[in-house]
Amino acid sequence: SHSEAYMSYSQSRGAFGGVTVEAAYVKVR
């Protein structure tokens, strides 16, 4: 079927900086 694009609202904490490309497997637990 078709894919969907989404934007997220996020808030982060830690020590991190960068621009990345990501891939992840998502599933019901």
PDB file of all heavy atoms in Angstrom:
ATOM      1  N   SER A   1       0.858  -1.174   0.000  1.00  0.00           N
ATOM      2  CA  SER A   1       0.000   0.000   0.000  1.00  0.00           C
ATOM      3  C   SER A   1       0.895   1.224   0.000  1.00  0.00           C
ATOM      4  O   SER A   1       2.111   1.109   0.028  1.00  0.00           O
ATOM      5  CB  SER A   1      -0.939   0.002   1.211  1.00  0.00           C
ATOM      6  OG  SER A   1      -0.213   0.232   2.394  1.00  0.00           O
ATOM      7  N   HIS A   2       0.295   2.380   0.015  1.00  0.00           N
ATOM      8  CA  HIS A   2       1.094   3.597  -0.035  1.00  0.00           C
ATOM      9  C   HIS A   2       1.791   3.838   1.295  1.00  0.00           C
ATOM     10  O   HIS A   2       1.420   3.298   2.318  1.00  0.00           O
ATOM     11  CB  HIS A   2       0.203   4.781  -0.418  1.00  0.00           C
ATOM     12  CG  HIS A   2      -0.739   5.199   0.671  1.00  0.00           C
ATOM     13  ND1 HIS A   2      -1.860   4.477   1.014  1.00  0.00           N
ATOM     14  CD2 HIS A   2      -0.695   6.257   1.505  1.00  0.00           C
ATOM     15  CE1 HIS A   2      -2.487   5.090   2.012  1.00  0.00           C
ATOM     16  NE2 HIS A   2      -1.800   6.173   2.326  1.00  0.00           N
ATOM     17  N   SER A   3       2.810   4.682   1.264  1.00  0.00           N
ATOM     18  CA  SER A   3       3.505   5.067   2.481  1.00  0.00           C
ATOM     19  C   SER A   3       2.998   6.441   2.909  1.00  0.00           C
ATOM     20  O   SER A   3       2.429   7.178   2.118  1.00  0.00           O
ATOM     21  CB  SER A   3       5.015   5.086   2.255  1.00  0.00           C
ATOM     22  OG  SER A   3       5.334   5.995   1.230  1.00  0.00           O
ATOM     23  N   GLU A   4       3.200   6.783   4.159  1.00  0.00           N
ATOM     24  CA  GLU A   4       2.760   8.055   4.702  1.00  0.00           C
ATOM     25  C   GLU A   4       3.948   8.816   5.261  1.00  0.00           C
ATOM     26  O   GLU A   4       4.862   8.223   5.808  1.00  0.00           O
ATOM     27  CB  GLU A   4       1.732   7.854   5.829  1.00  0.00           C
ATOM     28  CG  GLU A   4       0.450   7.208   5.384  1.00  0.00           C
ATOM     29  CD  GLU A   4       0.516   5.690   5.388  1.00  0.00           C
ATOM     30  OE1 GLU A   4       1.403   5.132   6.042  1.00  0.00           O
ATOM     31  OE2 GLU A   4      -0.297   5.065   4.710  1.00  0.00           O
ATOM     32  N   ALA A   5       3.907  10.140   5.130  1.00  0.00           N
ATOM     33  CA  ALA A   5       4.948  11.002   5.691  1.00  0.00           C
ATOM     34  C   ALA A   5       4.367  11.737   6.890  1.00  0.00           C
ATOM     35  O   ALA A   5       3.215  12.167   6.866  1.00  0.00           O
ATOM     36  CB  ALA A   5       5.424  11.991   4.639  1.00  0.00           C
ATOM     37  N   TYR A   6       5.160  11.888   7.940  1.00  0.00           N
ATOM     38  CA  TYR A   6       4.698  12.527   9.166  1.00  0.00           C
ATOM     39  C   TYR A   6       5.757  13.459   9.706  1.00  0.00           C
ATOM     40  O   TYR A   6       6.949  13.238   9.545  1.00  0.00           O
ATOM     41  CB  TYR A   6       4.396  11.484  10.248  1.00  0.00           C
ATOM     42  CG  TYR A   6       3.314  10.541   9.851  1.00  0.00           C
ATOM     43  CD1 TYR A   6       3.610   9.259   9.415  1.00  0.00           C
ATOM     44  CD2 TYR A   6       1.991  10.936   9.884  1.00  0.00           C
ATOM     45  CE1 TYR A   6       2.611   8.400   9.030  1.00  0.00           C
ATOM     46  CE2 TYR A   6       0.983  10.078   9.505  1.00  0.00           C
ATOM     47  CZ  TYR A   6       1.299   8.815   9.082  1.00  0.00           C
ATOM     48  OH  TYR A   6       0.314   7.968   8.700  1.00  0.00           O
ATOM     49  N   MET A   7       5.292  14.463  10.418  1.00  0.00           N
ATOM     50  CA  MET A   7       6.162  15.336  11.191  1.00  0.00           C
ATOM     51  C   MET A   7       5.829  15.075  12.662  1.00  0.00           C
ATOM     52  O   MET A   7       4.694  14.762  13.000  1.00  0.00           O
ATOM     53  CB  MET A   7       5.908  16.806  10.850  1.00  0.00           C
ATOM     54  CG  MET A   7       6.228  17.149   9.402  1.00  0.00           C
ATOM     55  SD  MET A   7       7.954  16.920   8.966  1.00  0.00           S
ATOM     56  CE  MET A   7       8.693  18.309   9.777  1.00  0.00           C
ATOM     57  N   SER A   8       6.820  15.240  13.515  1.00  0.00           N
ATOM     58  CA  SER A   8       6.636  14.992  14.939  1.00  0.00           C
ATOM     59  C   SER A   8       6.997  16.230  15.738  1.00  0.00           C
ATOM     60  O   SER A   8       7.854  17.008  15.336  1.00  0.00           O
ATOM     61  CB  SER A   8       7.555  13.855  15.398  1.00  0.00           C
ATOM     62  OG  SER A   8       7.263  12.670  14.738  1.00  0.00           O
ATOM     63  N   TYR A   9       6.354  16.376  16.884  1.00  0.00           N
ATOM     64  CA  TYR A   9       6.780  17.367  17.869  1.00  0.00           C
ATOM     65  C   TYR A   9       7.710  16.633  18.817  1.00  0.00           C
ATOM     66  O   TYR A   9       7.392  15.537  19.287  1.00  0.00           O
ATOM     67  CB  TYR A   9       5.604  17.950  18.647  1.00  0.00           C
ATOM     68  CG  TYR A   9       6.088  18.784  19.805  1.00  0.00           C
ATOM     69  CD1 TYR A   9       6.574  20.070  19.593  1.00  0.00           C
ATOM     70  CD2 TYR A   9       6.137  18.261  21.085  1.00  0.00           C
ATOM     71  CE1 TYR A   9       7.075  20.822  20.644  1.00  0.00           C
ATOM     72  CE2 TYR A   9       6.625  19.006  22.141  1.00  0.00           C
ATOM     73  CZ  TYR A   9       7.092  20.280  21.913  1.00  0.00           C
ATOM     74  OH  TYR A   9       7.603  21.015  22.952  1.00  0.00           O
ATOM     75  N   SER A  10       8.876  17.207  19.098  1.00  0.00           N
ATOM     76  CA  SER A  10       9.873  16.508  19.906  1.00  0.00           C
ATOM     77  C   SER A  10      10.515  17.430  20.925  1.00  0.00           C
ATOM     78  O   SER A  10      10.667  18.625  20.692  1.00  0.00           O
ATOM     79  CB  SER A  10      10.987  15.956  19.013  1.00  0.00           C
ATOM     80  OG  SER A  10      10.468  15.202  17.966  1.00  0.00           O
ATOM     81  N   GLN A  11      10.935  16.840  22.032  1.00  0.00           N
ATOM     82  CA  GLN A  11      11.756  17.522  23.015  1.00  0.00           C
ATOM     83  C   GLN A  11      12.848  16.550  23.433  1.00  0.00           C
ATOM     84  O   GLN A  11      12.569  15.397  23.748  1.00  0.00           O
ATOM     85  CB  GLN A  11      10.944  17.970  24.216  1.00  0.00           C
ATOM     86  CG  GLN A  11      11.798  18.742  25.190  1.00  0.00           C
ATOM     87  CD  GLN A  11      10.984  19.471  26.220  1.00  0.00           C
ATOM     88  OE1 GLN A  11       9.771  19.493  26.171  1.00  0.00           O
ATOM     89  NE2 GLN A  11      11.660  20.053  27.175  1.00  0.00           N
ATOM     90  N   SER A  12      14.092  17.028  23.421  1.00  0.00           N
ATOM     91  CA  SER A  12      15.242  16.150  23.672  1.00  0.00           C
ATOM     92  C   SER A  12      16.014  16.580  24.909  1.00  0.00           C
ATOM     93  O   SER A  12      15.952  17.731  25.333  1.00  0.00           O
ATOM     94  CB  SER A  12      16.198  16.173  22.475  1.00  0.00           C
ATOM     95  OG  SER A  12      15.535  15.787  21.306  1.00  0.00           O
ATOM     96  N   ARG A  13      16.778  15.629  25.440  1.00  0.00           N
ATOM     97  CA  ARG A  13      17.705  15.902  26.541  1.00  0.00           C
ATOM     98  C   ARG A  13      18.890  14.960  26.391  1.00  0.00           C
ATOM     99  O   ARG A  13      18.767  13.885  25.829  1.00  0.00           O
ATOM    100  CB  ARG A  13      17.020  15.746  27.892  1.00  0.00           C
ATOM    101  CG  ARG A  13      16.395  14.396  28.114  1.00  0.00           C
ATOM    102  CD  ARG A  13      15.329  14.463  29.214  1.00  0.00           C
ATOM    103  NE  ARG A  13      14.637  13.214  29.368  1.00  0.00           N
ATOM    104  CZ  ARG A  13      13.636  12.788  28.614  1.00  0.00           C
ATOM    105  NH1 ARG A  13      13.218  13.526  27.616  1.00  0.00           N
ATOM    106  NH2 ARG A  13      13.053  11.643  28.850  1.00  0.00           N
ATOM    107  N   GLY A  14      20.036  15.402  26.859  1.00  0.00           N
ATOM    108  CA  GLY A  14      21.247  14.610  26.742  1.00  0.00           C
ATOM    109  C   GLY A  14      22.390  15.476  26.263  1.00  0.00           C
ATOM    110  O   GLY A  14      22.380  16.693  26.439  1.00  0.00           O
ATOM    111  N   ALA A  15      23.377  14.866  25.648  1.00  0.00           N
ATOM    112  CA  ALA A  15      24.505  15.576  25.036  1.00  0.00           C
ATOM    113  C   ALA A  15      24.632  15.025  23.627  1.00  0.00           C
ATOM    114  O   ALA A  15      25.216  13.955  23.410  1.00  0.00           O
ATOM    115  CB  ALA A  15      25.780  15.350  25.832  1.00  0.00           C
ATOM    116  N   PHE A  16      24.048  15.728  22.674  1.00  0.00           N
ATOM    117  CA  PHE A  16      23.983  15.217  21.311  1.00  0.00           C
ATOM    118  C   PHE A  16      23.875  16.371  20.340  1.00  0.00           C
ATOM    119  O   PHE A  16      23.230  17.379  20.608  1.00  0.00           O
ATOM    120  CB  PHE A  16      22.750  14.314  21.142  1.00  0.00           C
ATOM    121  CG  PHE A  16      22.678  13.607  19.820  1.00  0.00           C
ATOM    122  CD1 PHE A  16      23.269  12.374  19.646  1.00  0.00           C
ATOM    123  CD2 PHE A  16      22.021  14.191  18.749  1.00  0.00           C
ATOM    124  CE1 PHE A  16      23.201  11.718  18.432  1.00  0.00           C
ATOM    125  CE2 PHE A  16      21.947  13.540  17.524  1.00  0.00           C
ATOM    126  CZ  PHE A  16      22.540  12.307  17.369  1.00  0.00           C
ATOM    127  N   GLY A  17      24.500  16.192  19.192  1.00  0.00           N
ATOM    128  CA  GLY A  17      24.347  17.145  18.101  1.00  0.00           C
ATOM    129  C   GLY A  17      24.538  16.416  16.795  1.00  0.00           C
ATOM    130  O   GLY A  17      25.363  15.507  16.689  1.00  0.00           O
ATOM    131  N   GLY A  18      23.722  16.770  15.808  1.00  0.00           N
ATOM    132  CA  GLY A  18      23.938  16.149  14.522  1.00  0.00           C
ATOM    133  C   GLY A  18      22.757  16.202  13.589  1.00  0.00           C
ATOM    134  O   GLY A  18      21.664  16.618  13.933  1.00  0.00           O
ATOM    135  N   VAL A  19      23.057  15.799  12.365  1.00  0.00           N
ATOM    136  CA  VAL A  19      22.060  15.639  11.317  1.00  0.00           C
ATOM    137  C   VAL A  19      22.193  14.198  10.847  1.00  0.00           C
ATOM    138  O   VAL A  19      23.290  13.761  10.482  1.00  0.00           O
ATOM    139  CB  VAL A  19      22.302  16.621  10.156  1.00  0.00           C
ATOM    140  CG1 VAL A  19      21.301  16.399   9.045  1.00  0.00           C
ATOM    141  CG2 VAL A  19      22.260  18.059  10.658  1.00  0.00           C
ATOM    142  N   THR A  20      21.090  13.454  10.863  1.00  0.00           N
ATOM    143  CA  THR A  20      21.164  12.017  10.596  1.00  0.00           C
ATOM    144  C   THR A  20      20.088  11.544   9.628  1.00  0.00           C
ATOM    145  O   THR A  20      19.073  12.204   9.428  1.00  0.00           O
ATOM    146  CB  THR A  20      21.004  11.214  11.898  1.00  0.00           C
ATOM    147  OG1 THR A  20      19.738  11.498  12.482  1.00  0.00           O
ATOM    148  CG2 THR A  20      22.108  11.525  12.890  1.00  0.00           C
ATOM    149  N   VAL A  21      20.341  10.388   9.080  1.00  0.00           N
ATOM    150  CA  VAL A  21      19.361   9.610   8.331  1.00  0.00           C
ATOM    151  C   VAL A  21      19.118   8.371   9.176  1.00  0.00           C
ATOM    152  O   VAL A  21      20.065   7.771   9.696  1.00  0.00           O
ATOM    153  CB  VAL A  21      19.897   9.230   6.932  1.00  0.00           C
ATOM    154  CG1 VAL A  21      18.925   8.324   6.210  1.00  0.00           C
ATOM    155  CG2 VAL A  21      20.184  10.478   6.120  1.00  0.00           C
ATOM    156  N   GLU A  22      17.840   7.984   9.337  1.00  0.00           N
ATOM    157  CA  GLU A  22      17.526   6.897  10.243  1.00  0.00           C
ATOM    158  C   GLU A  22      16.586   5.878   9.614  1.00  0.00           C
ATOM    159  O   GLU A  22      15.802   6.216   8.726  1.00  0.00           O
ATOM    160  CB  GLU A  22      16.888   7.465  11.510  1.00  0.00           C
ATOM    161  CG  GLU A  22      17.793   8.493  12.154  1.00  0.00           C
ATOM    162  CD  GLU A  22      17.308   8.970  13.498  1.00  0.00           C
ATOM    163  OE1 GLU A  22      16.191   8.621  13.901  1.00  0.00           O
ATOM    164  OE2 GLU A  22      18.075   9.683  14.141  1.00  0.00           O
ATOM    165  N   ALA A  23      16.684   4.658  10.081  1.00  0.00           N
ATOM    166  CA  ALA A  23      15.777   3.589   9.674  1.00  0.00           C
ATOM    167  C   ALA A  23      15.475   2.762  10.914  1.00  0.00           C
ATOM    168  O   ALA A  23      16.371   2.477  11.710  1.00  0.00           O
ATOM    169  CB  ALA A  23      16.401   2.709   8.593  1.00  0.00           C
ATOM    170  N   ALA A  24      14.204   2.390  11.078  1.00  0.00           N
ATOM    171  CA  ALA A  24      13.819   1.620  12.251  1.00  0.00           C
ATOM    172  C   ALA A  24      12.643   0.713  11.929  1.00  0.00           C
ATOM    173  O   ALA A  24      11.777   1.053  11.124  1.00  0.00           O
ATOM    174  CB  ALA A  24      13.456   2.552  13.405  1.00  0.00           C
ATOM    175  N   TYR A  25      12.627  -0.424  12.569  1.00  0.00           N
ATOM    176  CA  TYR A  25      11.526  -1.373  12.512  1.00  0.00           C
ATOM    177  C   TYR A  25      10.578  -1.009  13.653  1.00  0.00           C
ATOM    178  O   TYR A  25      11.002  -0.868  14.799  1.00  0.00           O
ATOM    179  CB  TYR A  25      12.083  -2.791  12.674  1.00  0.00           C
ATOM    180  CG  TYR A  25      11.040  -3.863  12.735  1.00  0.00           C
ATOM    181  CD1 TYR A  25      10.336  -4.239  11.596  1.00  0.00           C
ATOM    182  CD2 TYR A  25      10.763  -4.515  13.925  1.00  0.00           C
ATOM    183  CE1 TYR A  25       9.375  -5.233  11.646  1.00  0.00           C
ATOM    184  CE2 TYR A  25       9.805  -5.509  13.989  1.00  0.00           C
ATOM    185  CZ  TYR A  25       9.112  -5.857  12.848  1.00  0.00           C
ATOM    186  OH  TYR A  25       8.156  -6.840  12.899  1.00  0.00           O
ATOM    187  N   VAL A  26       9.297  -0.833  13.351  1.00  0.00           N
ATOM    188  CA  VAL A  26       8.305  -0.435  14.338  1.00  0.00           C
ATOM    189  C   VAL A  26       7.259  -1.535  14.450  1.00  0.00           C
ATOM    190  O   VAL A  26       6.777  -2.035  13.434  1.00  0.00           O
ATOM    191  CB  VAL A  26       7.609   0.887  13.922  1.00  0.00           C
ATOM    192  CG1 VAL A  26       6.645   1.342  14.993  1.00  0.00           C
ATOM    193  CG2 VAL A  26       8.632   1.967  13.618  1.00  0.00           C
ATOM    194  N   LYS A  27       6.909  -1.920  15.690  1.00  0.00           N
ATOM    195  CA  LYS A  27       5.925  -2.994  15.858  1.00  0.00           C
ATOM    196  C   LYS A  27       5.151  -2.836  17.149  1.00  0.00           C
ATOM    197  O   LYS A  27       5.585  -2.157  18.079  1.00  0.00           O
ATOM    198  CB  LYS A  27       6.593  -4.364  15.802  1.00  0.00           C
ATOM    199  CG  LYS A  27       7.455  -4.702  17.007  1.00  0.00           C
ATOM    200  CD  LYS A  27       8.050  -6.081  16.931  1.00  0.00           C
ATOM    201  CE  LYS A  27       7.274  -7.150  17.407  1.00  0.00           C
ATOM    202  NZ  LYS A  27       6.548  -7.834  18.120  1.00  0.00           N
ATOM    203  N   VAL A  28       4.002  -3.500  17.188  1.00  0.00           N
ATOM    204  CA  VAL A  28       3.195  -3.571  18.401  1.00  0.00           C
ATOM    205  C   VAL A  28       3.916  -4.488  19.382  1.00  0.00           C
ATOM    206  O   VAL A  28       4.440  -5.538  18.997  1.00  0.00           O
ATOM    207  CB  VAL A  28       1.779  -4.112  18.078  1.00  0.00           C
ATOM    208  CG1 VAL A  28       1.010  -4.418  19.351  1.00  0.00           C
ATOM    209  CG2 VAL A  28       1.025  -3.136  17.204  1.00  0.00           C
ATOM    210  N   ARG A  29       3.953  -4.105  20.639  1.00  0.00           N
ATOM    211  CA  ARG A  29       4.605  -4.912  21.673  1.00  0.00           C
ATOM    212  C   ARG A  29       3.550  -5.768  22.375  1.00  0.00           C
ATOM    213  O   ARG A  29       3.026  -5.410  23.422  1.00  0.00           O
ATOM    214  CB  ARG A  29       5.331  -4.008  22.659  1.00  0.00           C
ATOM    215  CG  ARG A  29       6.460  -3.227  21.983  1.00  0.00           C
ATOM    216  CD  ARG A  29       7.296  -2.465  22.946  1.00  0.00           C
ATOM    217  NE  ARG A  29       7.947  -3.386  23.871  1.00  0.00           N
ATOM    218  CZ  ARG A  29       8.529  -2.986  25.007  1.00  0.00           C
ATOM    219  NH1 ARG A  29       8.542  -1.715  25.338  1.00  0.00           N
ATOM    220  NH2 ARG A  29       9.088  -3.873  25.799  1.00  0.00           N
TER     221      ARG A  29
END
